[in-house]
Amino acid sequence: MDRKRGKFERLDTTIPVEVFLRGGGGESYSVMCENIGGKGLRFPLHKAIEANTRLELIIHLPDNLPPLRTQGKVSWAKAKKMADGEVAFFEMGVEFLELKFQDRDRIHQYVYRRAQQGGPTGQP
């Protein structure tokens, strides 16, 4: 599903992302992004990361180009619970920081192309 938040298109999709906590003693995660746009992305994680934590991100857009490398910061973390009330995972919202113009344009092109295709997400 494509949505607009503010002036940036967002796309529900599945894209592999490598997440590295800055100053986190080498803590890193391989996740599947669930939503991406020109200002940020969302992914599930088994633990919460505090808001404003800075991250290094390697985003593997399915566009046959090298992975996109950028920085971000956690905007929010929301617990998703199972029927019994136990936390299943956390959804993490990440805002891009220091994203180069050409990288933001690359994300916009991917989102636009996928929206035009209207097919299954996560495909080039």
C-alpha atoms as a PDB file:
ATOM      1  CA  MET A   1       0.000   0.000   0.000  1.00  0.00           C
ATOM      2  CA  ASP A   2       1.298   3.424  -0.895  1.00  0.00           C
ATOM      3  CA  ARG A   3       0.692   6.287   1.486  1.00  0.00           C
ATOM      4  CA  LYS A   4       1.622   9.908   1.765  1.00  0.00           C
ATOM      5  CA  ARG A   5       2.867  11.289   5.038  1.00  0.00           C
ATOM      6  CA  GLY A   6       3.549  14.966   4.670  1.00  0.00           C
ATOM      7  CA  LYS A   7       5.067  15.575   1.262  1.00  0.00           C
ATOM      8  CA  PHE A   8       6.956  12.287   0.917  1.00  0.00           C
ATOM      9  CA  GLU A   9       5.572   9.095  -0.626  1.00  0.00           C
ATOM     10  CA  ARG A  10       5.959   5.950   1.477  1.00  0.00           C
ATOM     11  CA  LEU A  11       5.803   2.376   0.327  1.00  0.00           C
ATOM     12  CA  ASP A  12       4.965  -0.776   2.253  1.00  0.00           C
ATOM     13  CA  THR A  13       7.633  -3.181   1.019  1.00  0.00           C
ATOM     14  CA  THR A  14      10.174  -5.746   2.146  1.00  0.00           C
ATOM     15  CA  ILE A  15      13.823  -4.686   1.832  1.00  0.00           C
ATOM     16  CA  PRO A  16      16.861  -6.102   3.687  1.00  0.00           C
ATOM     17  CA  VAL A  17      18.586  -3.558   5.937  1.00  0.00           C
ATOM     18  CA  GLU A  18      21.675  -3.871   8.097  1.00  0.00           C
ATOM     19  CA  VAL A  19      21.449  -1.772  11.264  1.00  0.00           C
ATOM     20  CA  PHE A  20      24.488  -0.798  13.361  1.00  0.00           C
ATOM     21  CA  LEU A  21      24.130   1.037  16.673  1.00  0.00           C
ATOM     22  CA  ARG A  22      26.589   3.922  16.860  1.00  0.00           C
ATOM     23  CA  GLY A  23      28.502   3.680  20.094  1.00  0.00           C
ATOM     24  CA  GLY A  24      26.703   0.402  20.793  1.00  0.00           C
ATOM     25  CA  GLY A  25      29.794  -1.749  21.225  1.00  0.00           C
ATOM     26  CA  GLY A  26      29.417  -3.289  17.773  1.00  0.00           C
ATOM     27  CA  GLU A  27      25.746  -4.181  18.227  1.00  0.00           C
ATOM     28  CA  SER A  28      24.164  -4.865  14.830  1.00  0.00           C
ATOM     29  CA  TYR A  29      21.027  -6.412  13.357  1.00  0.00           C
ATOM     30  CA  SER A  30      19.873  -7.711   9.986  1.00  0.00           C
ATOM     31  CA  VAL A  31      16.222  -6.749   9.553  1.00  0.00           C
ATOM     32  CA  MET A  32      13.577  -6.538   6.860  1.00  0.00           C
ATOM     33  CA  CYS A  33      12.306  -3.011   6.330  1.00  0.00           C
ATOM     34  CA  GLU A  34       8.485  -2.941   6.140  1.00  0.00           C
ATOM     35  CA  ASN A  35       7.990   0.633   4.938  1.00  0.00           C
ATOM     36  CA  ILE A  36      10.286   3.178   3.280  1.00  0.00           C
ATOM     37  CA  GLY A  37      10.120   6.752   2.001  1.00  0.00           C
ATOM     38  CA  GLY A  38      12.400   9.712   1.411  1.00  0.00           C
ATOM     39  CA  LYS A  39      12.529  10.650   5.090  1.00  0.00           C
ATOM     40  CA  GLY A  40      12.871   7.271   6.762  1.00  0.00           C
ATOM     41  CA  LEU A  41      11.881   3.656   7.190  1.00  0.00           C
ATOM     42  CA  ARG A  42      10.184   1.234   9.579  1.00  0.00           C
ATOM     43  CA  PHE A  43      11.291  -2.243  10.619  1.00  0.00           C
ATOM     44  CA  PRO A  44      10.517  -4.846  13.298  1.00  0.00           C
ATOM     45  CA  LEU A  45      13.106  -5.784  15.900  1.00  0.00           C
ATOM     46  CA  HIS A  46      13.081  -8.202  18.855  1.00  0.00           C
ATOM     47  CA  LYS A  47      14.137  -5.430  21.251  1.00  0.00           C
ATOM     48  CA  ALA A  48      13.423  -1.731  21.611  1.00  0.00           C
ATOM     49  CA  ILE A  49      16.081   0.826  20.808  1.00  0.00           C
ATOM     50  CA  GLU A  50      15.699   4.147  22.611  1.00  0.00           C
ATOM     51  CA  ALA A  51      14.415   7.189  20.718  1.00  0.00           C
ATOM     52  CA  ASN A  52      17.170   9.447  19.338  1.00  0.00           C
ATOM     53  CA  THR A  53      19.684   6.570  19.177  1.00  0.00           C
ATOM     54  CA  ARG A  54      21.870   7.107  16.112  1.00  0.00           C
ATOM     55  CA  LEU A  55      22.252   4.262  13.652  1.00  0.00           C
ATOM     56  CA  GLU A  56      24.333   3.363  10.627  1.00  0.00           C
ATOM     57  CA  LEU A  57      22.140   1.806   7.920  1.00  0.00           C
ATOM     58  CA  ILE A  58      22.945  -0.262   4.866  1.00  0.00           C
ATOM     59  CA  ILE A  59      19.827  -0.509   2.707  1.00  0.00           C
ATOM     60  CA  HIS A  60      19.690  -3.134  -0.031  1.00  0.00           C
ATOM     61  CA  LEU A  61      17.238  -1.621  -2.520  1.00  0.00           C
ATOM     62  CA  PRO A  62      16.326  -4.141  -5.233  1.00  0.00           C
ATOM     63  CA  ASP A  63      17.541  -1.865  -8.041  1.00  0.00           C
ATOM     64  CA  ASN A  64      20.766  -3.647  -9.100  1.00  0.00           C
ATOM     65  CA  LEU A  65      22.934  -0.866  -7.607  1.00  0.00           C
ATOM     66  CA  PRO A  66      25.307  -1.097  -4.627  1.00  0.00           C
ATOM     67  CA  PRO A  67      23.659  -0.886  -1.189  1.00  0.00           C
ATOM     68  CA  LEU A  68      22.710   2.575   0.034  1.00  0.00           C
ATOM     69  CA  ARG A  69      24.672   3.628   3.142  1.00  0.00           C
ATOM     70  CA  THR A  70      23.392   6.333   5.444  1.00  0.00           C
ATOM     71  CA  GLN A  71      22.812   7.356   9.036  1.00  0.00           C
ATOM     72  CA  GLY A  72      19.545   7.577  10.878  1.00  0.00           C
ATOM     73  CA  LYS A  73      18.068   8.015  14.309  1.00  0.00           C
ATOM     74  CA  VAL A  74      15.299   6.145  16.039  1.00  0.00           C
ATOM     75  CA  SER A  75      12.164   8.305  16.071  1.00  0.00           C
ATOM     76  CA  TRP A  76       9.940   5.863  17.919  1.00  0.00           C
ATOM     77  CA  ALA A  77       9.602   2.270  19.103  1.00  0.00           C
ATOM     78  CA  LYS A  78       6.221   0.621  19.590  1.00  0.00           C
ATOM     79  CA  ALA A  79       5.674  -2.753  21.273  1.00  0.00           C
ATOM     80  CA  LYS A  80       3.540  -5.232  19.328  1.00  0.00           C
ATOM     81  CA  LYS A  81       1.908  -7.742  21.643  1.00  0.00           C
ATOM     82  CA  MET A  82       0.540 -11.237  21.190  1.00  0.00           C
ATOM     83  CA  ALA A  83      -2.952 -12.228  22.311  1.00  0.00           C
ATOM     84  CA  ASP A  84      -1.632 -13.203  25.775  1.00  0.00           C
ATOM     85  CA  GLY A  85      -0.131  -9.727  26.279  1.00  0.00           C
ATOM     86  CA  GLU A  86       3.503 -10.759  25.822  1.00  0.00           C
ATOM     87  CA  VAL A  87       5.593  -8.487  23.605  1.00  0.00           C
ATOM     88  CA  ALA A  88       6.215 -10.222  20.268  1.00  0.00           C
ATOM     89  CA  PHE A  89       8.508  -7.556  18.790  1.00  0.00           C
ATOM     90  CA  PHE A  90       8.973  -3.806  18.487  1.00  0.00           C
ATOM     91  CA  GLU A  91       8.265  -1.681  15.436  1.00  0.00           C
ATOM     92  CA  MET A  92      11.010   0.889  14.998  1.00  0.00           C
ATOM     93  CA  GLY A  93      10.587   4.164  13.116  1.00  0.00           C
ATOM     94  CA  VAL A  94      13.877   5.580  11.836  1.00  0.00           C
ATOM     95  CA  GLU A  95      14.454   9.046  10.382  1.00  0.00           C
ATOM     96  CA  PHE A  96      17.257   9.424   7.847  1.00  0.00           C
ATOM     97  CA  LEU A  97      20.099  11.788   8.758  1.00  0.00           C
ATOM     98  CA  GLU A  98      22.747  13.022   6.346  1.00  0.00           C
ATOM     99  CA  LEU A  99      21.094  11.265   3.392  1.00  0.00           C
ATOM    100  CA  LYS A 100      22.786  12.349   0.170  1.00  0.00           C
ATOM    101  CA  PHE A 101      20.580  13.913  -2.499  1.00  0.00           C
ATOM    102  CA  GLN A 102      21.298  11.104  -4.976  1.00  0.00           C
ATOM    103  CA  ASP A 103      20.388   8.481  -2.349  1.00  0.00           C
ATOM    104  CA  ARG A 104      17.112  10.217  -1.476  1.00  0.00           C
ATOM    105  CA  ASP A 105      16.379  10.436  -5.210  1.00  0.00           C
ATOM    106  CA  ARG A 106      17.128   6.727  -5.550  1.00  0.00           C
ATOM    107  CA  ILE A 107      14.598   5.916  -2.803  1.00  0.00           C
ATOM    108  CA  HIS A 108      12.002   8.206  -4.419  1.00  0.00           C
ATOM    109  CA  GLN A 109      12.532   6.516  -7.794  1.00  0.00           C
ATOM    110  CA  TYR A 110      12.143   3.076  -6.231  1.00  0.00           C
ATOM    111  CA  VAL A 111       8.945   4.101  -4.400  1.00  0.00           C
ATOM    112  CA  TYR A 112       7.506   5.738  -7.524  1.00  0.00           C
ATOM    113  CA  ARG A 113       8.386   2.778  -9.773  1.00  0.00           C
ATOM    114  CA  ARG A 114       6.833   0.273  -7.328  1.00  0.00           C
ATOM    115  CA  ALA A 115       3.702   2.419  -6.955  1.00  0.00           C
ATOM    116  CA  GLN A 116       3.310   2.508 -10.749  1.00  0.00           C
ATOM    117  CA  GLN A 117       3.729  -1.274 -11.045  1.00  0.00           C
ATOM    118  CA  GLY A 118       1.158  -1.985  -8.383  1.00  0.00           C
ATOM    119  CA  GLY A 119       2.478  -5.564  -8.054  1.00  0.00           C
ATOM    120  CA  PRO A 120       3.941  -7.433  -5.105  1.00  0.00           C
ATOM    121  CA  THR A 121       6.248  -5.299  -3.000  1.00  0.00           C
ATOM    122  CA  GLY A 122       9.964  -5.902  -2.627  1.00  0.00           C
ATOM    123  CA  GLN A 123      10.537  -6.655  -6.303  1.00  0.00           C
ATOM    124  CA  PRO A 124      12.627  -4.443  -8.655  1.00  0.00           C
END
